[in-house]
PDB file of N, CA and C in Angstrom:
ATOM      1  N   MET A   1      13.089  -1.991 -27.408  1.00  0.00           N
ATOM      2  CA  MET A   1      12.557  -1.035 -27.941  1.00  0.00           C
ATOM      3  C   MET A   1      13.733   0.114 -27.279  1.00  0.00           C
ATOM      4  N   SER A   2      13.975   1.245 -28.241  1.00  0.00           N
ATOM      5  CA  SER A   2      15.026   2.107 -27.472  1.00  0.00           C
ATOM      6  C   SER A   2      14.156   3.224 -26.711  1.00  0.00           C
ATOM      7  N   GLN A   3      15.238   3.825 -25.929  1.00  0.00           N
ATOM      8  CA  GLN A   3      14.734   4.832 -24.732  1.00  0.00           C
ATOM      9  C   GLN A   3      13.975   5.766 -25.523  1.00  0.00           C
ATOM     10  N   GLU A   4      14.154   6.296 -26.446  1.00  0.00           N
ATOM     11  CA  GLU A   4      13.559   7.371 -27.083  1.00  0.00           C
ATOM     12  C   GLU A   4      12.079   7.244 -27.436  1.00  0.00           C
ATOM     13  N   LYS A   5      11.892   5.931 -27.988  1.00  0.00           N
ATOM     14  CA  LYS A   5      10.479   5.575 -28.074  1.00  0.00           C
ATOM     15  C   LYS A   5       9.661   5.052 -26.976  1.00  0.00           C
ATOM     16  N   GLU A   6      10.272   4.731 -25.929  1.00  0.00           N
ATOM     17  CA  GLU A   6       9.449   4.442 -24.823  1.00  0.00           C
ATOM     18  C   GLU A   6       8.977   5.297 -24.060  1.00  0.00           C
ATOM     19  N   PHE A   7       9.639   6.612 -24.227  1.00  0.00           N
ATOM     20  CA  PHE A   7       9.443   7.738 -23.442  1.00  0.00           C
ATOM     21  C   PHE A   7       9.421   8.998 -24.247  1.00  0.00           C
ATOM     22  N   VAL A   8       8.594  10.228 -24.110  1.00  0.00           N
ATOM     23  CA  VAL A   8       8.298  11.561 -24.749  1.00  0.00           C
ATOM     24  C   VAL A   8       8.761  12.521 -23.870  1.00  0.00           C
ATOM     25  N   GLU A   9       9.477  13.461 -23.958  1.00  0.00           N
ATOM     26  CA  GLU A   9       9.863  14.418 -23.138  1.00  0.00           C
ATOM     27  C   GLU A   9       8.615  15.774 -23.311  1.00  0.00           C
ATOM     28  N   LYS A  10       8.363  16.210 -22.466  1.00  0.00           N
ATOM     29  CA  LYS A  10       7.388  17.459 -22.727  1.00  0.00           C
ATOM     30  C   LYS A  10       7.651  18.400 -21.673  1.00  0.00           C
ATOM     31  N   VAL A  11       7.407  19.669 -21.795  1.00  0.00           N
ATOM     32  CA  VAL A  11       7.824  20.790 -21.178  1.00  0.00           C
ATOM     33  C   VAL A  11       6.810  21.639 -20.537  1.00  0.00           C
ATOM     34  N   TYR A  12       6.586  21.951 -19.310  1.00  0.00           N
ATOM     35  CA  TYR A  12       5.606  22.845 -18.759  1.00  0.00           C
ATOM     36  C   TYR A  12       6.204  23.747 -18.013  1.00  0.00           C
ATOM     37  N   ASN A  13       5.321  25.045 -17.832  1.00  0.00           N
ATOM     38  CA  ASN A  13       5.440  26.065 -16.781  1.00  0.00           C
ATOM     39  C   ASN A  13       4.957  25.858 -15.663  1.00  0.00           C
ATOM     40  N   CYS A  14       5.643  25.818 -14.570  1.00  0.00           N
ATOM     41  CA  CYS A  14       5.352  25.521 -13.274  1.00  0.00           C
ATOM     42  C   CYS A  14       4.861  26.959 -12.810  1.00  0.00           C
ATOM     43  N   PRO A  15       3.687  27.119 -12.479  1.00  0.00           N
ATOM     44  CA  PRO A  15       2.788  28.465 -11.897  1.00  0.00           C
ATOM     45  C   PRO A  15       3.252  28.915 -10.609  1.00  0.00           C
ATOM     46  N   HIS A  16       3.553  28.181  -9.934  1.00  0.00           N
ATOM     47  CA  HIS A  16       4.357  28.111  -8.507  1.00  0.00           C
ATOM     48  C   HIS A  16       5.669  28.521  -8.159  1.00  0.00           C
ATOM     49  N   CYS A  17       6.597  27.957  -9.314  1.00  0.00           N
ATOM     50  CA  CYS A  17       8.159  28.317  -9.168  1.00  0.00           C
ATOM     51  C   CYS A  17       8.481  29.366 -10.277  1.00  0.00           C
ATOM     52  N   LYS A  18       7.561  29.404 -11.391  1.00  0.00           N
ATOM     53  CA  LYS A  18       7.898  30.154 -12.206  1.00  0.00           C
ATOM     54  C   LYS A  18       8.960  29.929 -13.041  1.00  0.00           C
ATOM     55  N   LYS A  19       9.090  28.286 -13.137  1.00  0.00           N
ATOM     56  CA  LYS A  19      10.130  27.887 -13.728  1.00  0.00           C
ATOM     57  C   LYS A  19       9.796  27.010 -15.093  1.00  0.00           C
ATOM     58  N   ILE A  20      10.469  26.546 -16.197  1.00  0.00           N
ATOM     59  CA  ILE A  20       9.832  25.806 -17.181  1.00  0.00           C
ATOM     60  C   ILE A  20      10.510  24.319 -16.527  1.00  0.00           C
ATOM     61  N   HIS A  21       9.905  23.394 -16.645  1.00  0.00           N
ATOM     62  CA  HIS A  21      10.459  22.149 -16.378  1.00  0.00           C
ATOM     63  C   HIS A  21      10.128  21.187 -17.475  1.00  0.00           C
ATOM     64  N   ALA A  22      10.944  20.212 -17.647  1.00  0.00           N
ATOM     65  CA  ALA A  22      10.833  18.935 -18.569  1.00  0.00           C
ATOM     66  C   ALA A  22      10.171  17.765 -17.642  1.00  0.00           C
ATOM     67  N   VAL A  23       9.175  17.252 -18.329  1.00  0.00           N
ATOM     68  CA  VAL A  23       8.806  15.999 -17.589  1.00  0.00           C
ATOM     69  C   VAL A  23       9.108  14.535 -18.714  1.00  0.00           C
ATOM     70  N   LYS A  24       9.335  13.668 -18.422  1.00  0.00           N
ATOM     71  CA  LYS A  24       9.307  12.440 -19.127  1.00  0.00           C
ATOM     72  C   LYS A  24       8.153  11.499 -19.151  1.00  0.00           C
ATOM     73  N   LEU A  25       7.526  11.069 -19.744  1.00  0.00           N
ATOM     74  CA  LEU A  25       6.479  10.476 -20.051  1.00  0.00           C
ATOM     75  C   LEU A  25       6.486   9.143 -20.700  1.00  0.00           C
ATOM     76  N   PRO A  26       5.920   8.063 -20.617  1.00  0.00           N
ATOM     77  CA  PRO A  26       5.774   6.961 -21.276  1.00  0.00           C
ATOM     78  C   PRO A  26       4.963   7.454 -22.656  1.00  0.00           C
ATOM     79  N   SER A  27       5.804   7.068 -23.404  1.00  0.00           N
ATOM     80  CA  SER A  27       5.310   7.109 -24.967  1.00  0.00           C
ATOM     81  C   SER A  27       3.564   6.799 -25.233  1.00  0.00           C
ATOM     82  N   ASN A  28       3.400   5.680 -24.461  1.00  0.00           N
ATOM     83  CA  ASN A  28       1.912   5.145 -24.720  1.00  0.00           C
ATOM     84  C   ASN A  28       1.172   5.404 -23.389  1.00  0.00           C
ATOM     85  N   ILE A  29       1.452   6.633 -22.653  1.00  0.00           N
ATOM     86  CA  ILE A  29       0.396   7.178 -21.425  1.00  0.00           C
ATOM     87  C   ILE A  29      -0.870   7.725 -21.804  1.00  0.00           C
ATOM     88  N   ALA A  30      -1.017   8.161 -23.031  1.00  0.00           N
ATOM     89  CA  ALA A  30      -2.390   8.614 -23.898  1.00  0.00           C
ATOM     90  C   ALA A  30      -3.148   7.444 -23.995  1.00  0.00           C
ATOM     91  N   GLU A  31      -2.839   6.289 -24.428  1.00  0.00           N
ATOM     92  CA  GLU A  31      -3.670   5.358 -25.084  1.00  0.00           C
ATOM     93  C   GLU A  31      -4.652   4.529 -24.010  1.00  0.00           C
ATOM     94  N   ASN A  32      -5.873   4.342 -24.535  1.00  0.00           N
ATOM     95  CA  ASN A  32      -6.905   3.798 -23.974  1.00  0.00           C
ATOM     96  C   ASN A  32      -7.486   4.180 -22.497  1.00  0.00           C
ATOM     97  N   ARG A  33      -7.760   5.713 -22.825  1.00  0.00           N
ATOM     98  CA  ARG A  33      -7.778   6.751 -21.816  1.00  0.00           C
ATOM     99  C   ARG A  33      -9.652   6.841 -21.999  1.00  0.00           C
ATOM    100  N   GLU A  34     -10.295   6.840 -20.841  1.00  0.00           N
ATOM    101  CA  GLU A  34     -11.814   6.919 -21.121  1.00  0.00           C
ATOM    102  C   GLU A  34     -12.187   8.413 -21.606  1.00  0.00           C
ATOM    103  N   SER A  35     -11.537   9.517 -21.287  1.00  0.00           N
ATOM    104  CA  SER A  35     -11.459  10.574 -21.918  1.00  0.00           C
ATOM    105  C   SER A  35     -10.331  11.625 -21.781  1.00  0.00           C
ATOM    106  N   TYR A  36     -10.348  12.783 -22.944  1.00  0.00           N
ATOM    107  CA  TYR A  36      -9.210  13.721 -22.942  1.00  0.00           C
ATOM    108  C   TYR A  36      -9.663  15.123 -22.616  1.00  0.00           C
ATOM    109  N   PRO A  37      -8.940  15.544 -22.084  1.00  0.00           N
ATOM    110  CA  PRO A  37      -7.355  15.471 -21.493  1.00  0.00           C
ATOM    111  C   PRO A  37      -7.622  14.628 -20.163  1.00  0.00           C
ATOM    112  N   PHE A  38      -6.657  13.939 -19.996  1.00  0.00           N
ATOM    113  CA  PHE A  38      -6.370  13.048 -18.818  1.00  0.00           C
ATOM    114  C   PHE A  38      -5.710  13.631 -17.831  1.00  0.00           C
ATOM    115  N   ARG A  39      -5.750  13.619 -16.623  1.00  0.00           N
ATOM    116  CA  ARG A  39      -4.813  14.120 -15.658  1.00  0.00           C
ATOM    117  C   ARG A  39      -3.636  13.022 -15.423  1.00  0.00           C
ATOM    118  N   HIS A  40      -2.152  13.838 -15.059  1.00  0.00           N
ATOM    119  CA  HIS A  40      -1.263  13.194 -15.006  1.00  0.00           C
ATOM    120  C   HIS A  40      -0.664  13.763 -13.874  1.00  0.00           C
ATOM    121  N   VAL A  41      -0.521  13.002 -12.503  1.00  0.00           N
ATOM    122  CA  VAL A  41      -0.202  13.838 -11.314  1.00  0.00           C
ATOM    123  C   VAL A  41       1.061  13.089 -10.537  1.00  0.00           C
ATOM    124  N   PHE A  42       1.888  14.046 -10.370  1.00  0.00           N
ATOM    125  CA  PHE A  42       3.164  13.748  -9.557  1.00  0.00           C
ATOM    126  C   PHE A  42       3.886  14.771  -8.896  1.00  0.00           C
ATOM    127  N   LEU A  43       4.816  14.554  -8.276  1.00  0.00           N
ATOM    128  CA  LEU A  43       5.572  15.493  -6.936  1.00  0.00           C
ATOM    129  C   LEU A  43       6.812  15.824  -7.715  1.00  0.00           C
ATOM    130  N   HIS A  44       7.158  17.402  -7.666  1.00  0.00           N
ATOM    131  CA  HIS A  44       7.926  18.004  -7.886  1.00  0.00           C
ATOM    132  C   HIS A  44       8.536  19.051  -7.040  1.00  0.00           C
ATOM    133  N   GLY A  45       9.860  19.670  -7.293  1.00  0.00           N
ATOM    134  CA  GLY A  45      10.330  20.618  -6.223  1.00  0.00           C
ATOM    135  C   GLY A  45      11.577  20.143  -5.461  1.00  0.00           C
ATOM    136  N   GLU A  46      12.335  20.990  -4.913  1.00  0.00           N
ATOM    137  CA  GLU A  46      13.502  20.651  -3.972  1.00  0.00           C
ATOM    138  C   GLU A  46      13.283  19.584  -3.195  1.00  0.00           C
ATOM    139  N   LEU A  47      11.804  19.707  -2.459  1.00  0.00           N
ATOM    140  CA  LEU A  47      11.460  18.619  -1.317  1.00  0.00           C
ATOM    141  C   LEU A  47      10.397  17.814  -1.631  1.00  0.00           C
ATOM    142  N   LYS A  48      10.120  17.751  -3.082  1.00  0.00           N
ATOM    143  CA  LYS A  48       8.975  17.120  -3.448  1.00  0.00           C
ATOM    144  C   LYS A  48       7.709  17.661  -2.849  1.00  0.00           C
ATOM    145  N   GLU A  49       7.708  18.855  -2.398  1.00  0.00           N
ATOM    146  CA  GLU A  49       6.527  19.368  -1.860  1.00  0.00           C
ATOM    147  C   GLU A  49       5.529  20.104  -2.704  1.00  0.00           C
ATOM    148  N   LEU A  50       5.770  19.908  -4.142  1.00  0.00           N
ATOM    149  CA  LEU A  50       4.469  20.608  -4.972  1.00  0.00           C
ATOM    150  C   LEU A  50       4.029  19.443  -5.618  1.00  0.00           C
ATOM    151  N   LEU A  51       2.434  19.412  -5.239  1.00  0.00           N
ATOM    152  CA  LEU A  51       1.738  18.070  -6.124  1.00  0.00           C
ATOM    153  C   LEU A  51       1.253  19.080  -7.480  1.00  0.00           C
ATOM    154  N   THR A  52       2.127  18.320  -8.634  1.00  0.00           N
ATOM    155  CA  THR A  52       1.763  18.815  -9.994  1.00  0.00           C
ATOM    156  C   THR A  52       0.643  17.883 -10.620  1.00  0.00           C
ATOM    157  N   THR A  53      -0.253  18.552 -11.380  1.00  0.00           N
ATOM    158  CA  THR A  53      -1.070  18.144 -12.272  1.00  0.00           C
ATOM    159  C   THR A  53      -1.010  18.364 -13.597  1.00  0.00           C
ATOM    160  N   LEU A  54      -0.723  17.670 -14.471  1.00  0.00           N
ATOM    161  CA  LEU A  54      -0.890  18.081 -15.714  1.00  0.00           C
ATOM    162  C   LEU A  54      -2.110  17.252 -16.584  1.00  0.00           C
ATOM    163  N   TYR A  55      -2.842  18.236 -17.660  1.00  0.00           N
ATOM    164  CA  TYR A  55      -3.820  17.566 -18.261  1.00  0.00           C
ATOM    165  C   TYR A  55      -3.310  17.546 -19.493  1.00  0.00           C
ATOM    166  N   ILE A  56      -3.222  16.349 -20.061  1.00  0.00           N
ATOM    167  CA  ILE A  56      -2.680  15.845 -21.257  1.00  0.00           C
ATOM    168  C   ILE A  56      -3.753  15.197 -22.316  1.00  0.00           C
ATOM    169  N   ASP A  57      -3.594  15.753 -23.671  1.00  0.00           N
ATOM    170  CA  ASP A  57      -4.620  15.468 -24.633  1.00  0.00           C
ATOM    171  C   ASP A  57      -4.056  14.125 -25.422  1.00  0.00           C
ATOM    172  N   LYS A  58      -4.859  13.658 -26.153  1.00  0.00           N
ATOM    173  CA  LYS A  58      -4.833  12.563 -26.905  1.00  0.00           C
ATOM    174  C   LYS A  58      -3.360  12.705 -27.559  1.00  0.00           C
ATOM    175  N   ASN A  59      -2.906  13.540 -27.992  1.00  0.00           N
ATOM    176  CA  ASN A  59      -1.699  13.562 -28.616  1.00  0.00           C
ATOM    177  C   ASN A  59      -0.237  13.945 -27.873  1.00  0.00           C
ATOM    178  N   LEU A  60      -0.554  13.965 -26.659  1.00  0.00           N
ATOM    179  CA  LEU A  60       0.473  14.141 -25.527  1.00  0.00           C
ATOM    180  C   LEU A  60       0.813  15.851 -25.520  1.00  0.00           C
ATOM    181  N   GLN A  61      -0.136  16.460 -25.932  1.00  0.00           N
ATOM    182  CA  GLN A  61       0.059  17.637 -25.656  1.00  0.00           C
ATOM    183  C   GLN A  61      -0.439  18.038 -24.235  1.00  0.00           C
ATOM    184  N   ILE A  62       0.359  18.938 -23.660  1.00  0.00           N
ATOM    185  CA  ILE A  62      -0.218  19.513 -22.112  1.00  0.00           C
ATOM    186  C   ILE A  62      -0.867  20.471 -22.335  1.00  0.00           C
ATOM    187  N   ARG A  63      -2.109  20.382 -21.731  1.00  0.00           N
ATOM    188  CA  ARG A  63      -3.399  21.697 -22.199  1.00  0.00           C
ATOM    189  C   ARG A  63      -3.610  22.055 -20.749  1.00  0.00           C
ATOM    190  N   GLY A  64      -3.203  22.285 -19.750  1.00  0.00           N
ATOM    191  CA  GLY A  64      -2.982  22.790 -18.571  1.00  0.00           C
ATOM    192  C   GLY A  64      -2.196  21.895 -17.284  1.00  0.00           C
ATOM    193  N   VAL A  65      -2.129  22.892 -16.561  1.00  0.00           N
ATOM    194  CA  VAL A  65      -1.263  22.626 -15.445  1.00  0.00           C
ATOM    195  C   VAL A  65      -1.720  23.276 -14.092  1.00  0.00           C
ATOM    196  N   GLU A  66      -1.592  22.546 -13.015  1.00  0.00           N
ATOM    197  CA  GLU A  66      -2.398  23.126 -11.673  1.00  0.00           C
ATOM    198  C   GLU A  66      -1.167  22.504 -10.602  1.00  0.00           C
ATOM    199  N   VAL A  67      -0.721  23.488  -9.719  1.00  0.00           N
ATOM    200  CA  VAL A  67       0.449  22.801  -8.849  1.00  0.00           C
ATOM    201  C   VAL A  67      -0.219  23.450  -7.279  1.00  0.00           C
ATOM    202  N   HIS A  68       0.151  22.337  -6.550  1.00  0.00           N
ATOM    203  CA  HIS A  68      -0.386  22.856  -5.175  1.00  0.00           C
ATOM    204  C   HIS A  68       0.850  22.522  -4.103  1.00  0.00           C
ATOM    205  N   HIS A  69       0.990  23.494  -3.326  1.00  0.00           N
ATOM    206  CA  HIS A  69       1.930  23.345  -2.378  1.00  0.00           C
ATOM    207  C   HIS A  69       1.438  22.607  -1.228  1.00  0.00           C
ATOM    208  N   LEU A  70       2.054  21.405  -0.911  1.00  0.00           N
ATOM    209  CA  LEU A  70       1.899  20.379   0.148  1.00  0.00           C
ATOM    210  C   LEU A  70       2.276  21.088   1.519  1.00  0.00           C
ATOM    211  N   GLN A  71       1.643  20.801   2.329  1.00  0.00           N
ATOM    212  CA  GLN A  71       1.572  20.987   3.720  1.00  0.00           C
ATOM    213  C   GLN A  71       2.029  19.499   4.206  1.00  0.00           C
ATOM    214  N   ASP A  72       2.758  19.579   5.519  1.00  0.00           N
ATOM    215  CA  ASP A  72       3.032  18.404   6.164  1.00  0.00           C
ATOM    216  C   ASP A  72       1.607  17.439   6.245  1.00  0.00           C
ATOM    217  N   SER A  73       0.691  17.931   6.649  1.00  0.00           N
ATOM    218  CA  SER A  73      -0.574  17.039   6.766  1.00  0.00           C
ATOM    219  C   SER A  73      -1.654  16.929   5.741  1.00  0.00           C
ATOM    220  N   ASP A  74      -1.107  17.356   4.556  1.00  0.00           N
ATOM    221  CA  ASP A  74      -2.206  17.290   3.366  1.00  0.00           C
ATOM    222  C   ASP A  74      -1.978  15.839   2.840  1.00  0.00           C
ATOM    223  N   ILE A  75      -0.853  15.071   2.658  1.00  0.00           N
ATOM    224  CA  ILE A  75      -0.948  13.888   2.123  1.00  0.00           C
ATOM    225  C   ILE A  75      -1.629  12.819   3.221  1.00  0.00           C
ATOM    226  N   PHE A  76      -0.921  12.462   4.255  1.00  0.00           N
ATOM    227  CA  PHE A  76      -1.541  11.398   5.218  1.00  0.00           C
ATOM    228  C   PHE A  76      -1.280  12.013   6.855  1.00  0.00           C
ATOM    229  N   SER A  77      -2.350  11.134   7.520  1.00  0.00           N
ATOM    230  CA  SER A  77      -2.628  11.990   8.793  1.00  0.00           C
ATOM    231  C   SER A  77      -1.276  11.184   9.838  1.00  0.00           C
ATOM    232  N   LYS A  78      -0.869  11.993  10.791  1.00  0.00           N
ATOM    233  CA  LYS A  78       0.304  11.337  11.438  1.00  0.00           C
ATOM    234  C   LYS A  78      -0.096   9.722  11.995  1.00  0.00           C
ATOM    235  N   GLU A  79      -1.424   9.642  12.476  1.00  0.00           N
ATOM    236  CA  GLU A  79      -1.687   8.390  12.447  1.00  0.00           C
ATOM    237  C   GLU A  79      -1.537   7.213  11.561  1.00  0.00           C
ATOM    238  N   TYR A  80      -1.942   7.808  10.190  1.00  0.00           N
ATOM    239  CA  TYR A  80      -1.839   6.955   9.204  1.00  0.00           C
ATOM    240  C   TYR A  80      -0.490   6.496   8.750  1.00  0.00           C
ATOM    241  N   ALA A  81       0.518   7.387   8.927  1.00  0.00           N
ATOM    242  CA  ALA A  81       1.803   7.337   8.661  1.00  0.00           C
ATOM    243  C   ALA A  81       2.610   6.508   9.682  1.00  0.00           C
ATOM    244  N   ASP A  82       2.137   6.791  11.143  1.00  0.00           N
ATOM    245  CA  ASP A  82       2.701   5.711  12.033  1.00  0.00           C
ATOM    246  C   ASP A  82       2.273   4.290  11.828  1.00  0.00           C
ATOM    247  N   GLN A  83       1.001   4.045  11.053  1.00  0.00           N
ATOM    248  CA  GLN A  83       0.455   2.816  11.046  1.00  0.00           C
ATOM    249  C   GLN A  83       1.356   2.299   9.663  1.00  0.00           C
ATOM    250  N   MET A  84       1.634   3.212   8.763  1.00  0.00           N
ATOM    251  CA  MET A  84       2.482   2.512   7.432  1.00  0.00           C
ATOM    252  C   MET A  84       3.978   2.057   8.023  1.00  0.00           C
ATOM    253  N   ILE A  85       4.572   2.930   8.644  1.00  0.00           N
ATOM    254  CA  ILE A  85       5.651   2.747   9.252  1.00  0.00           C
ATOM    255  C   ILE A  85       6.047   1.482  10.134  1.00  0.00           C
ATOM    256  N   ASN A  86       4.859   1.375  10.822  1.00  0.00           N
ATOM    257  CA  ASN A  86       4.785   0.240  11.775  1.00  0.00           C
ATOM    258  C   ASN A  86       4.927  -0.971  11.137  1.00  0.00           C
ATOM    259  N   LYS A  87       3.989  -1.129   9.839  1.00  0.00           N
ATOM    260  CA  LYS A  87       3.910  -2.175   9.070  1.00  0.00           C
ATOM    261  C   LYS A  87       4.973  -2.332   8.303  1.00  0.00           C
ATOM    262  N   LEU A  88       5.737  -1.476   7.694  1.00  0.00           N
ATOM    263  CA  LEU A  88       6.912  -1.721   7.319  1.00  0.00           C
ATOM    264  C   LEU A  88       7.977  -2.121   7.962  1.00  0.00           C
ATOM    265  N   MET A  89       8.051  -1.637   9.399  1.00  0.00           N
ATOM    266  CA  MET A  89       9.232  -2.223  10.161  1.00  0.00           C
ATOM    267  C   MET A  89       8.987  -3.502  10.288  1.00  0.00           C
ATOM    268  N   ASP A  90       7.695  -4.061  10.531  1.00  0.00           N
ATOM    269  CA  ASP A  90       7.466  -5.538  10.696  1.00  0.00           C
ATOM    270  C   ASP A  90       7.756  -6.286   9.562  1.00  0.00           C
ATOM    271  N   LEU A  91       7.351  -5.731   8.118  1.00  0.00           N
ATOM    272  CA  LEU A  91       7.666  -6.461   7.055  1.00  0.00           C
ATOM    273  C   LEU A  91       9.493  -6.441   6.923  1.00  0.00           C
ATOM    274  N   ILE A  92      10.195  -5.407   7.254  1.00  0.00           N
ATOM    275  CA  ILE A  92      11.725  -5.536   7.194  1.00  0.00           C
ATOM    276  C   ILE A  92      12.306  -6.624   8.336  1.00  0.00           C
ATOM    277  N   LEU A  93      11.636  -6.405   9.470  1.00  0.00           N
ATOM    278  CA  LEU A  93      12.124  -7.793  10.394  1.00  0.00           C
ATOM    279  C   LEU A  93      11.689  -9.168   9.815  1.00  0.00           C
ATOM    280  N   THR A  94      10.589  -9.473   9.066  1.00  0.00           N
ATOM    281  CA  THR A  94      10.308 -10.595   8.792  1.00  0.00           C
ATOM    282  C   THR A  94      10.883 -10.856   7.418  1.00  0.00           C
ATOM    283  N   LEU A  95      11.263  -9.970   6.810  1.00  0.00           N
ATOM    284  CA  LEU A  95      12.259 -10.202   5.576  1.00  0.00           C
ATOM    285  C   LEU A  95      13.565 -10.547   5.987  1.00  0.00           C
ATOM    286  N   GLN A  96      13.937  -9.846   7.254  1.00  0.00           N
ATOM    287  CA  GLN A  96      15.303  -9.886   7.359  1.00  0.00           C
ATOM    288  C   GLN A  96      15.612 -11.484   8.304  1.00  0.00           C
ATOM    289  N   LYS A  97      14.606 -12.078   8.957  1.00  0.00           N
ATOM    290  CA  LYS A  97      14.466 -13.277   9.491  1.00  0.00           C
ATOM    291  C   LYS A  97      14.492 -14.420   8.435  1.00  0.00           C
ATOM    292  N   GLU A  98      13.776 -14.143   7.405  1.00  0.00           N
ATOM    293  CA  GLU A  98      13.554 -15.057   6.170  1.00  0.00           C
ATOM    294  C   GLU A  98      15.036 -15.322   5.531  1.00  0.00           C
ATOM    295  N   ASN A  99      15.624 -13.837   5.391  1.00  0.00           N
ATOM    296  CA  ASN A  99      16.958 -14.014   4.949  1.00  0.00           C
ATOM    297  C   ASN A  99      18.407 -14.658   5.776  1.00  0.00           C
ATOM    298  N   GLU A 100      17.895 -14.484   6.596  1.00  0.00           N
ATOM    299  CA  GLU A 100      18.934 -15.183   7.820  1.00  0.00           C
ATOM    300  C   GLU A 100      18.617 -16.949   7.765  1.00  0.00           C
ATOM    301  N   HIS A 101      17.330 -16.990   7.750  1.00  0.00           N
ATOM    302  CA  HIS A 101      17.047 -18.561   7.658  1.00  0.00           C
ATOM    303  C   HIS A 101      17.518 -19.378   6.381  1.00  0.00           C
ATOM    304  N   LEU A 102      17.262 -18.357   5.164  1.00  0.00           N
ATOM    305  CA  LEU A 102      17.908 -19.169   3.959  1.00  0.00           C
ATOM    306  C   LEU A 102      19.296 -19.004   3.768  1.00  0.00           C
ATOM    307  N   ARG A 103      20.086 -18.038   4.343  1.00  0.00           N
ATOM    308  CA  ARG A 103      21.290 -18.146   4.384  1.00  0.00           C
ATOM    309  C   ARG A 103      21.922 -19.280   4.993  1.00  0.00           C
ATOM    310  N   GLU A 104      21.427 -19.757   6.261  1.00  0.00           N
ATOM    311  CA  GLU A 104      21.812 -20.911   7.208  1.00  0.00           C
ATOM    312  C   GLU A 104      21.216 -22.169   6.101  1.00  0.00           C
ATOM    313  N   GLN A 105      20.232 -22.096   5.778  1.00  0.00           N
ATOM    314  CA  GLN A 105      20.014 -23.413   4.454  1.00  0.00           C
ATOM    315  C   GLN A 105      21.226 -23.430   3.417  1.00  0.00           C
ATOM    316  N   LEU A 106      21.267 -22.681   2.935  1.00  0.00           N
ATOM    317  CA  LEU A 106      22.389 -22.352   2.010  1.00  0.00           C
ATOM    318  C   LEU A 106      23.977 -22.930   2.155  1.00  0.00           C
ATOM    319  N   SER A 107      23.946 -22.367   3.563  1.00  0.00           N
ATOM    320  CA  SER A 107      25.366 -22.904   4.294  1.00  0.00           C
ATOM    321  C   SER A 107      25.207 -24.429   4.570  1.00  0.00           C
ATOM    322  N   ASN A 108      24.244 -24.673   5.197  1.00  0.00           N
ATOM    323  CA  ASN A 108      23.917 -26.489   5.348  1.00  0.00           C
ATOM    324  C   ASN A 108      23.919 -27.203   4.097  1.00  0.00           C
ATOM    325  N   LEU A 109      23.866 -26.468   3.029  1.00  0.00           N
ATOM    326  CA  LEU A 109      23.992 -27.125   1.463  1.00  0.00           C
ATOM    327  C   LEU A 109      25.370 -27.265   1.074  1.00  0.00           C
ATOM    328  N   GLY A 110      26.158 -26.186   1.722  1.00  0.00           N
ATOM    329  CA  GLY A 110      27.647 -26.125   1.111  1.00  0.00           C
ATOM    330  C   GLY A 110      27.626 -25.272   0.137  1.00  0.00           C
ATOM    331  N   VAL A 111      26.819 -24.705  -0.009  1.00  0.00           N
ATOM    332  CA  VAL A 111      26.741 -23.554  -1.001  1.00  0.00           C
ATOM    333  C   VAL A 111      27.497 -22.413  -0.722  1.00  0.00           C
TER     334      VAL A 111
END
């Protein structure tokens, strides 16, 4: 399928930064929704500090826009962020060890 058929570009006016933005949406994003308009949420802004909610109808028309400026504490608590970072660091170390082990096995096989 071509890129043009997989995605559709829509524009909306950001009430926070007062600019018109284009957003690329999957062309099938409106299929099989329980109700319309449905919410499509994403981050935008220079630092991805704006939480944007688009309300999109069945015909992929944007019917409403809400934008909230996020503060550092809006998404995750420091404790939760620390927990996620620790889990990710553990996973990285595990993957590095597995990578080293697999390289040794390949080396032993002469590959």
